[in-house]
Amino acid sequence: MKTRILAGAMVLLAVTSLHARQNQKIGVEGGDVDDRGSARLLYWNGQTNAAAGQFAINYGRPVWHKEYDDPAKFDSITKGKVWRMGSNYWSNLYTDVPLTIAGTAVAPGLYFMGLQRSADGSSWNLAFIDPLKVRKERIDAFDIRKAKVEFTTPMSIEPASSEAVEKLTITLTHPENDIHNATLKVAWGHLALTAPVKVTVGD
């Protein structure tokens, strides 16, 4: 008799536990290593043998899908929207030196970033988002549309190669012996965008 009661209790406990998991309000995902990229410019003071400043863009590297080769498909997911400009965790810009990106002043700090495309598809902007506001609302980059864009700066559309760039690639380049100017480039699939970056850093 005691055995039957114990067995029945164990079955009830198992069913209750299963029911609780099935009705769980909050789940969890992730934990594996993400494919992320980082583009950084470091300024070094040779006289003091110490860093004079740096800025970096960190981002996830989504793969270009063949279906995006169809302009209508690509337009449907980008026109009039803010794209996360990456995958998984927020793409972000960290800078400890003042920057001017395509004429827009960017003060030292940390910014979450996205790409904003106009409704007619003719122009693209870098979109800057306040991480503190995102943290307060617990917004994931997947829901970037819920985040307030604090300011934007324009990007120029460059001719793209006929061969698609397989993974999102963001680079920072600069002229030789010119520490005050750089070029930010975003390349993904057949999309190629650039913006000039002026850097305020001591000689």
C-alpha atoms as a PDB file:
ATOM      1  CA  MET A   1       0.000   0.000   0.000  1.00  0.00           C
ATOM      2  CA  LYS A   2       2.794   2.404   0.969  1.00  0.00           C
ATOM      3  CA  THR A   3       4.638   1.509  -2.241  1.00  0.00           C
ATOM      4  CA  ARG A   4       1.605   2.365  -4.397  1.00  0.00           C
ATOM      5  CA  ILE A   5       1.144   5.674  -2.575  1.00  0.00           C
ATOM      6  CA  LEU A   6       4.847   6.543  -3.035  1.00  0.00           C
ATOM      7  CA  ALA A   7       4.748   5.638  -6.734  1.00  0.00           C
ATOM      8  CA  GLY A   8       1.618   7.722  -7.233  1.00  0.00           C
ATOM      9  CA  ALA A   9       3.245  10.691  -5.503  1.00  0.00           C
ATOM     10  CA  MET A  10       6.314  10.415  -7.708  1.00  0.00           C
ATOM     11  CA  VAL A  11       4.182  10.343 -10.879  1.00  0.00           C
ATOM     12  CA  LEU A  12       2.219  13.381  -9.661  1.00  0.00           C
ATOM     13  CA  LEU A  13       5.467  15.231  -8.916  1.00  0.00           C
ATOM     14  CA  ALA A  14       6.840  14.443 -12.375  1.00  0.00           C
ATOM     15  CA  VAL A  15       3.643  15.576 -14.105  1.00  0.00           C
ATOM     16  CA  THR A  16       3.565  18.767 -12.037  1.00  0.00           C
ATOM     17  CA  SER A  17       7.213  19.511 -12.870  1.00  0.00           C
ATOM     18  CA  LEU A  18       6.604  18.929 -16.599  1.00  0.00           C
ATOM     19  CA  HIS A  19       3.512  21.143 -16.521  1.00  0.00           C
ATOM     20  CA  ALA A  20       5.506  23.898 -14.796  1.00  0.00           C
ATOM     21  CA  ARG A  21       8.234  23.819 -17.470  1.00  0.00           C
ATOM     22  CA  GLN A  22       5.700  23.868 -20.287  1.00  0.00           C
ATOM     23  CA  ASN A  23       4.046  26.961 -18.791  1.00  0.00           C
ATOM     24  CA  GLN A  24       7.310  28.703 -18.054  1.00  0.00           C
ATOM     25  CA  LYS A  25       7.054  32.413 -18.861  1.00  0.00           C
ATOM     26  CA  ILE A  26      10.782  33.050 -19.327  1.00  0.00           C
ATOM     27  CA  GLY A  27      13.154  30.833 -21.301  1.00  0.00           C
ATOM     28  CA  VAL A  28      16.856  31.183 -22.019  1.00  0.00           C
ATOM     29  CA  GLU A  29      19.016  30.713 -25.077  1.00  0.00           C
ATOM     30  CA  GLY A  30      22.610  31.259 -26.123  1.00  0.00           C
ATOM     31  CA  GLY A  31      25.797  30.487 -24.236  1.00  0.00           C
ATOM     32  CA  ASP A  32      27.845  29.287 -27.189  1.00  0.00           C
ATOM     33  CA  VAL A  33      30.665  31.265 -28.783  1.00  0.00           C
ATOM     34  CA  ASP A  34      29.343  33.928 -31.189  1.00  0.00           C
ATOM     35  CA  ASP A  35      31.041  34.886 -34.441  1.00  0.00           C
ATOM     36  CA  ARG A  36      31.968  38.504 -33.734  1.00  0.00           C
ATOM     37  CA  GLY A  37      34.242  41.025 -35.371  1.00  0.00           C
ATOM     38  CA  SER A  38      36.011  44.105 -34.090  1.00  0.00           C
ATOM     39  CA  ALA A  39      37.552  47.019 -35.975  1.00  0.00           C
ATOM     40  CA  ARG A  40      39.765  49.284 -33.880  1.00  0.00           C
ATOM     41  CA  LEU A  41      42.134  52.190 -34.346  1.00  0.00           C
ATOM     42  CA  LEU A  42      44.643  52.661 -31.511  1.00  0.00           C
ATOM     43  CA  TYR A  43      46.678  55.841 -31.203  1.00  0.00           C
ATOM     44  CA  TRP A  44      50.043  55.434 -29.485  1.00  0.00           C
ATOM     45  CA  ASN A  45      52.247  58.124 -27.995  1.00  0.00           C
ATOM     46  CA  GLY A  46      55.829  57.116 -28.733  1.00  0.00           C
ATOM     47  CA  GLN A  47      57.277  59.722 -26.365  1.00  0.00           C
ATOM     48  CA  THR A  48      55.382  58.480 -23.328  1.00  0.00           C
ATOM     49  CA  ASN A  49      55.081  54.884 -24.562  1.00  0.00           C
ATOM     50  CA  ALA A  50      51.389  54.910 -23.705  1.00  0.00           C
ATOM     51  CA  ALA A  51      48.058  54.961 -25.485  1.00  0.00           C
ATOM     52  CA  ALA A  52      46.845  58.375 -26.646  1.00  0.00           C
ATOM     53  CA  GLY A  53      43.324  57.133 -27.412  1.00  0.00           C
ATOM     54  CA  GLN A  54      41.326  54.584 -29.357  1.00  0.00           C
ATOM     55  CA  PHE A  55      37.940  53.776 -30.819  1.00  0.00           C
ATOM     56  CA  ALA A  56      36.449  50.464 -31.867  1.00  0.00           C
ATOM     57  CA  ILE A  57      33.334  48.998 -33.436  1.00  0.00           C
ATOM     58  CA  ASN A  58      32.295  45.540 -32.200  1.00  0.00           C
ATOM     59  CA  TYR A  59      29.635  43.522 -33.985  1.00  0.00           C
ATOM     60  CA  GLY A  60      28.172  40.111 -34.738  1.00  0.00           C
ATOM     61  CA  ARG A  61      28.781  38.747 -38.263  1.00  0.00           C
ATOM     62  CA  PRO A  62      25.567  37.491 -39.882  1.00  0.00           C
ATOM     63  CA  VAL A  63      25.821  35.470 -43.095  1.00  0.00           C
ATOM     64  CA  TRP A  64      24.370  36.865 -46.308  1.00  0.00           C
ATOM     65  CA  HIS A  65      21.526  34.666 -47.548  1.00  0.00           C
ATOM     66  CA  LYS A  66      21.007  33.968 -51.230  1.00  0.00           C
ATOM     67  CA  GLU A  67      17.414  35.182 -50.983  1.00  0.00           C
ATOM     68  CA  TYR A  68      18.716  38.696 -50.236  1.00  0.00           C
ATOM     69  CA  ASP A  69      20.092  38.821 -53.797  1.00  0.00           C
ATOM     70  CA  ASP A  70      16.526  39.605 -54.808  1.00  0.00           C
ATOM     71  CA  PRO A  71      16.278  43.421 -54.490  1.00  0.00           C
ATOM     72  CA  ALA A  72      12.582  43.198 -53.616  1.00  0.00           C
ATOM     73  CA  LYS A  73      13.335  40.850 -50.710  1.00  0.00           C
ATOM     74  CA  PHE A  74      16.197  42.999 -49.438  1.00  0.00           C
ATOM     75  CA  ASP A  75      14.044  46.124 -49.701  1.00  0.00           C
ATOM     76  CA  SER A  76      11.247  44.480 -47.731  1.00  0.00           C
ATOM     77  CA  ILE A  77      13.488  43.962 -44.709  1.00  0.00           C
ATOM     78  CA  THR A  78      15.392  47.268 -44.841  1.00  0.00           C
ATOM     79  CA  LYS A  79      13.337  50.118 -46.339  1.00  0.00           C
ATOM     80  CA  GLY A  80      12.088  52.526 -43.700  1.00  0.00           C
ATOM     81  CA  LYS A  81      13.631  50.442 -40.918  1.00  0.00           C
ATOM     82  CA  VAL A  82      16.562  50.362 -38.526  1.00  0.00           C
ATOM     83  CA  TRP A  83      18.666  47.230 -38.963  1.00  0.00           C
ATOM     84  CA  ARG A  84      20.780  45.969 -36.085  1.00  0.00           C
ATOM     85  CA  MET A  85      23.956  46.010 -38.256  1.00  0.00           C
ATOM     86  CA  GLY A  86      25.055  42.675 -36.875  1.00  0.00           C
ATOM     87  CA  SER A  87      23.768  39.620 -35.057  1.00  0.00           C
ATOM     88  CA  ASN A  88      23.242  38.425 -31.475  1.00  0.00           C
ATOM     89  CA  TYR A  89      24.515  41.021 -28.962  1.00  0.00           C
ATOM     90  CA  TRP A  90      24.320  44.715 -29.827  1.00  0.00           C
ATOM     91  CA  SER A  91      26.769  46.179 -32.315  1.00  0.00           C
ATOM     92  CA  ASN A  92      28.512  49.004 -30.518  1.00  0.00           C
ATOM     93  CA  LEU A  93      30.971  51.855 -30.832  1.00  0.00           C
ATOM     94  CA  TYR A  94      33.398  52.582 -27.998  1.00  0.00           C
ATOM     95  CA  THR A  95      35.507  55.714 -28.193  1.00  0.00           C
ATOM     96  CA  ASP A  96      37.654  57.543 -25.665  1.00  0.00           C
ATOM     97  CA  VAL A  97      38.473  60.329 -28.142  1.00  0.00           C
ATOM     98  CA  PRO A  98      36.074  62.822 -29.771  1.00  0.00           C
ATOM     99  CA  LEU A  99      35.012  61.812 -33.273  1.00  0.00           C
ATOM    100  CA  THR A 100      33.211  63.513 -36.112  1.00  0.00           C
ATOM    101  CA  ILE A 101      31.503  60.959 -38.352  1.00  0.00           C
ATOM    102  CA  ALA A 102      30.241  62.363 -41.658  1.00  0.00           C
ATOM    103  CA  GLY A 103      29.923  65.796 -40.069  1.00  0.00           C
ATOM    104  CA  THR A 104      28.215  64.631 -36.869  1.00  0.00           C
ATOM    105  CA  ALA A 105      30.037  65.083 -33.554  1.00  0.00           C
ATOM    106  CA  VAL A 106      30.300  61.898 -31.478  1.00  0.00           C
ATOM    107  CA  ALA A 107      31.498  62.489 -27.912  1.00  0.00           C
ATOM    108  CA  PRO A 108      33.636  59.918 -26.060  1.00  0.00           C
ATOM    109  CA  GLY A 109      31.487  57.112 -24.712  1.00  0.00           C
ATOM    110  CA  LEU A 110      29.765  53.849 -25.558  1.00  0.00           C
ATOM    111  CA  TYR A 111      26.981  53.674 -28.145  1.00  0.00           C
ATOM    112  CA  PHE A 112      24.808  50.876 -29.446  1.00  0.00           C
ATOM    113  CA  MET A 113      24.520  51.079 -33.211  1.00  0.00           C
ATOM    114  CA  GLY A 114      22.277  50.229 -36.117  1.00  0.00           C
ATOM    115  CA  LEU A 115      21.757  51.144 -39.761  1.00  0.00           C
ATOM    116  CA  GLN A 116      18.733  53.231 -40.694  1.00  0.00           C
ATOM    117  CA  ARG A 117      17.434  53.131 -44.277  1.00  0.00           C
ATOM    118  CA  SER A 118      15.069  55.745 -45.664  1.00  0.00           C
ATOM    119  CA  ALA A 119      11.550  54.752 -46.669  1.00  0.00           C
ATOM    120  CA  ASP A 120      12.345  55.246 -50.354  1.00  0.00           C
ATOM    121  CA  GLY A 121      15.558  53.249 -50.023  1.00  0.00           C
ATOM    122  CA  SER A 122      17.774  56.007 -51.408  1.00  0.00           C
ATOM    123  CA  SER A 123      19.841  56.725 -48.281  1.00  0.00           C
ATOM    124  CA  TRP A 124      21.403  55.032 -45.264  1.00  0.00           C
ATOM    125  CA  ASN A 125      22.395  56.440 -41.871  1.00  0.00           C
ATOM    126  CA  LEU A 126      24.336  55.154 -38.918  1.00  0.00           C
ATOM    127  CA  ALA A 127      21.940  55.145 -35.961  1.00  0.00           C
ATOM    128  CA  PHE A 128      23.235  55.770 -32.441  1.00  0.00           C
ATOM    129  CA  ILE A 129      21.358  54.428 -29.403  1.00  0.00           C
ATOM    130  CA  ASP A 130      21.912  55.080 -25.689  1.00  0.00           C
ATOM    131  CA  PRO A 131      22.928  51.802 -23.947  1.00  0.00           C
ATOM    132  CA  LEU A 132      21.647  53.075 -20.587  1.00  0.00           C
ATOM    133  CA  LYS A 133      18.129  53.480 -21.956  1.00  0.00           C
ATOM    134  CA  VAL A 134      18.331  50.064 -23.606  1.00  0.00           C
ATOM    135  CA  ARG A 135      19.452  48.511 -20.326  1.00  0.00           C
ATOM    136  CA  LYS A 136      16.602  50.164 -18.436  1.00  0.00           C
ATOM    137  CA  GLU A 137      14.050  48.695 -20.855  1.00  0.00           C
ATOM    138  CA  ARG A 138      15.954  45.393 -21.299  1.00  0.00           C
ATOM    139  CA  ILE A 139      15.718  45.612 -25.086  1.00  0.00           C
ATOM    140  CA  ASP A 140      17.491  42.945 -27.114  1.00  0.00           C
ATOM    141  CA  ALA A 141      19.159  43.955 -30.382  1.00  0.00           C
ATOM    142  CA  PHE A 142      16.626  41.756 -32.190  1.00  0.00           C
ATOM    143  CA  ASP A 143      14.023  44.346 -31.139  1.00  0.00           C
ATOM    144  CA  ILE A 144      16.086  47.357 -32.159  1.00  0.00           C
ATOM    145  CA  ARG A 145      12.893  48.934 -33.519  1.00  0.00           C
ATOM    146  CA  LYS A 146      11.824  49.439 -29.877  1.00  0.00           C
ATOM    147  CA  ALA A 147      14.933  51.441 -29.031  1.00  0.00           C
ATOM    148  CA  LYS A 148      15.050  55.213 -29.394  1.00  0.00           C
ATOM    149  CA  VAL A 149      17.566  56.461 -31.942  1.00  0.00           C
ATOM    150  CA  GLU A 150      19.372  59.387 -30.292  1.00  0.00           C
ATOM    151  CA  PHE A 151      20.979  60.726 -33.472  1.00  0.00           C
ATOM    152  CA  THR A 152      22.085  59.634 -36.929  1.00  0.00           C
ATOM    153  CA  THR A 153      24.876  60.392 -39.348  1.00  0.00           C
ATOM    154  CA  PRO A 154      24.793  59.740 -43.099  1.00  0.00           C
ATOM    155  CA  MET A 155      26.674  57.037 -44.957  1.00  0.00           C
ATOM    156  CA  SER A 156      27.594  57.103 -48.640  1.00  0.00           C
ATOM    157  CA  ILE A 157      26.530  54.234 -50.880  1.00  0.00           C
ATOM    158  CA  GLU A 158      29.532  52.759 -52.659  1.00  0.00           C
ATOM    159  CA  PRO A 159      29.587  50.553 -55.757  1.00  0.00           C
ATOM    160  CA  ALA A 160      29.420  46.950 -54.579  1.00  0.00           C
ATOM    161  CA  SER A 161      31.251  44.070 -56.172  1.00  0.00           C
ATOM    162  CA  SER A 162      29.193  41.566 -58.134  1.00  0.00           C
ATOM    163  CA  GLU A 163      30.296  38.861 -55.714  1.00  0.00           C
ATOM    164  CA  ALA A 164      28.483  39.059 -52.394  1.00  0.00           C
ATOM    165  CA  VAL A 165      30.422  39.602 -49.164  1.00  0.00           C
ATOM    166  CA  GLU A 166      29.492  36.439 -47.258  1.00  0.00           C
ATOM    167  CA  LYS A 167      29.662  37.826 -43.709  1.00  0.00           C
ATOM    168  CA  LEU A 168      29.095  41.342 -42.456  1.00  0.00           C
ATOM    169  CA  THR A 169      32.471  43.100 -42.478  1.00  0.00           C
ATOM    170  CA  ILE A 170      33.135  46.473 -40.848  1.00  0.00           C
ATOM    171  CA  THR A 171      36.554  48.055 -41.313  1.00  0.00           C
ATOM    172  CA  LEU A 172      38.373  51.234 -40.315  1.00  0.00           C
ATOM    173  CA  THR A 173      41.105  52.469 -42.650  1.00  0.00           C
ATOM    174  CA  HIS A 174      43.251  55.598 -42.623  1.00  0.00           C
ATOM    175  CA  PRO A 175      45.687  57.400 -44.920  1.00  0.00           C
ATOM    176  CA  GLU A 176      49.365  56.738 -44.290  1.00  0.00           C
ATOM    177  CA  ASN A 177      50.829  59.204 -41.782  1.00  0.00           C
ATOM    178  CA  ASP A 178      47.440  60.831 -41.148  1.00  0.00           C
ATOM    179  CA  ILE A 179      46.166  60.170 -37.650  1.00  0.00           C
ATOM    180  CA  HIS A 180      43.228  62.562 -37.880  1.00  0.00           C
ATOM    181  CA  ASN A 181      41.232  60.980 -40.688  1.00  0.00           C
ATOM    182  CA  ALA A 182      39.790  57.519 -41.211  1.00  0.00           C
ATOM    183  CA  THR A 183      37.100  55.789 -43.225  1.00  0.00           C
ATOM    184  CA  LEU A 184      34.432  53.546 -41.783  1.00  0.00           C
ATOM    185  CA  LYS A 185      33.160  50.920 -44.218  1.00  0.00           C
ATOM    186  CA  VAL A 186      30.241  48.500 -43.862  1.00  0.00           C
ATOM    187  CA  ALA A 187      30.094  45.646 -46.386  1.00  0.00           C
ATOM    188  CA  TRP A 188      27.528  42.849 -46.478  1.00  0.00           C
ATOM    189  CA  GLY A 189      26.284  40.973 -49.487  1.00  0.00           C
ATOM    190  CA  HIS A 190      25.972  43.562 -52.255  1.00  0.00           C
ATOM    191  CA  LEU A 191      25.709  46.461 -49.808  1.00  0.00           C
ATOM    192  CA  ALA A 192      28.722  48.760 -49.376  1.00  0.00           C
ATOM    193  CA  LEU A 193      28.528  51.932 -47.259  1.00  0.00           C
ATOM    194  CA  THR A 194      31.222  54.354 -46.106  1.00  0.00           C
ATOM    195  CA  ALA A 195      31.527  57.367 -43.818  1.00  0.00           C
ATOM    196  CA  PRO A 196      34.486  59.666 -43.144  1.00  0.00           C
ATOM    197  CA  VAL A 197      35.718  59.830 -39.564  1.00  0.00           C
ATOM    198  CA  LYS A 198      37.693  62.750 -38.157  1.00  0.00           C
ATOM    199  CA  VAL A 199      39.568  61.938 -34.953  1.00  0.00           C
ATOM    200  CA  THR A 200      40.542  64.505 -32.323  1.00  0.00           C
ATOM    201  CA  VAL A 201      43.769  63.197 -30.859  1.00  0.00           C
ATOM    202  CA  GLY A 202      47.075  64.870 -29.948  1.00  0.00           C
ATOM    203  CA  ASP A 203      50.027  64.746 -32.320  1.00  0.00           C
END
